Protein backbone atom coordinates (compact mmCIF):
# COMPACT_ATOMS: atom_id res chain seq x y z
CA MET A 1 22.52 9.66 -6.07
CA SER A 2 20.44 6.90 -7.85
CA ASP A 3 16.75 5.46 -7.44
CA THR A 4 17.16 3.08 -5.11
CA GLU A 5 19.35 5.34 -3.13
CA LYS A 6 16.47 7.98 -2.79
CA ASN A 7 13.65 5.23 -2.62
CA PRO A 8 15.46 2.04 -0.86
CA SER A 9 12.01 0.52 -1.41
CA GLN A 10 12.06 0.48 -5.17
CA ALA A 11 15.81 -1.59 -4.78
CA GLN A 12 13.58 -4.22 -2.95
CA GLY A 13 10.63 -4.59 -6.18
CA GLY A 14 8.18 -2.76 -3.70
CA GLY A 15 7.08 0.26 -1.97
CA VAL A 16 4.68 3.42 -3.08
CA ASP A 17 5.39 6.79 -3.74
CA PRO A 18 4.39 9.01 -1.20
CA LYS A 19 2.57 11.58 -3.12
CA LEU A 20 0.22 8.22 -4.52
CA LEU A 21 -0.39 7.25 -1.18
CA GLU A 22 -1.83 10.99 -0.51
CA ILE A 23 -4.17 10.61 -3.13
CA LEU A 24 -5.26 6.82 -2.43
CA VAL A 25 -8.21 6.23 -0.40
CA CYS A 26 -9.92 2.59 0.78
CA PRO A 27 -12.31 2.56 -1.78
CA VAL A 28 -14.56 0.52 0.68
CA THR A 29 -14.68 2.98 3.28
CA ARG A 30 -13.18 6.19 1.34
CA GLU A 31 -10.92 6.40 4.65
CA PRO A 32 -7.13 7.16 3.94
CA LEU A 33 -4.81 3.83 3.96
CA THR A 34 -1.31 3.69 5.75
CA TYR A 35 1.81 2.17 4.28
CA ASP A 36 2.44 -1.11 5.96
CA ARG A 37 6.58 -1.46 4.58
CA ASP A 38 7.63 -4.93 6.35
CA ALA A 39 3.78 -6.77 4.23
CA ASN A 40 4.59 -4.53 1.33
CA GLU A 41 0.41 -3.41 2.00
CA LEU A 42 -1.80 -0.32 2.01
CA ILE A 43 -3.97 -1.10 5.32
CA SER A 44 -7.19 0.13 5.69
CA LYS A 45 -7.80 0.47 9.61
CA ALA A 46 -11.83 0.83 9.08
CA ALA A 47 -12.48 -1.41 6.68
CA GLY A 48 -9.87 -4.01 8.13
CA LEU A 49 -8.53 -4.52 5.02
CA ALA A 50 -4.95 -5.04 3.54
CA TYR A 51 -4.54 -4.06 -0.38
CA PRO A 52 -1.19 -5.59 -1.74
CA ILE A 53 1.34 -3.97 -3.65
CA ARG A 54 2.65 -6.60 -6.68
CA GLU A 55 5.55 -5.18 -8.37
CA GLY A 56 4.98 -1.76 -7.53
CA VAL A 57 1.07 -1.34 -8.24
CA PRO A 58 -0.83 -1.36 -5.17
CA ILE A 59 -4.40 -3.75 -6.02
CA MET A 60 -7.60 -1.65 -4.69
CA LEU A 61 -9.64 -4.47 -5.28
CA PRO A 62 -11.55 -5.46 -2.05
CA GLU A 63 -11.67 -8.81 -3.43
CA GLU A 64 -7.71 -9.24 -3.38
CA ALA A 65 -7.34 -7.61 0.12
CA ARG A 66 -6.60 -9.52 2.84
CA GLU A 67 -8.96 -9.51 5.91
CA LEU A 68 -6.75 -7.80 9.02
CA ASP A 69 -6.78 -9.56 12.39
CA ALA A 70 -8.52 -8.38 15.25
């Protein structure tokens, strides 16, 4: 079984390693993040921010984050 068969999101050039998601926290609130597969973003509900994932790398800079709609 190939890597893309094990993790289909890698075939699309996106996704996040589940182990990485377990240790990443929002840099603003230090709260856990959730992964939005459709938008390919890490969501901080506490901060109201969505951090982009570019080429498989989470961009954990508040100035790069998108504000969530209320």
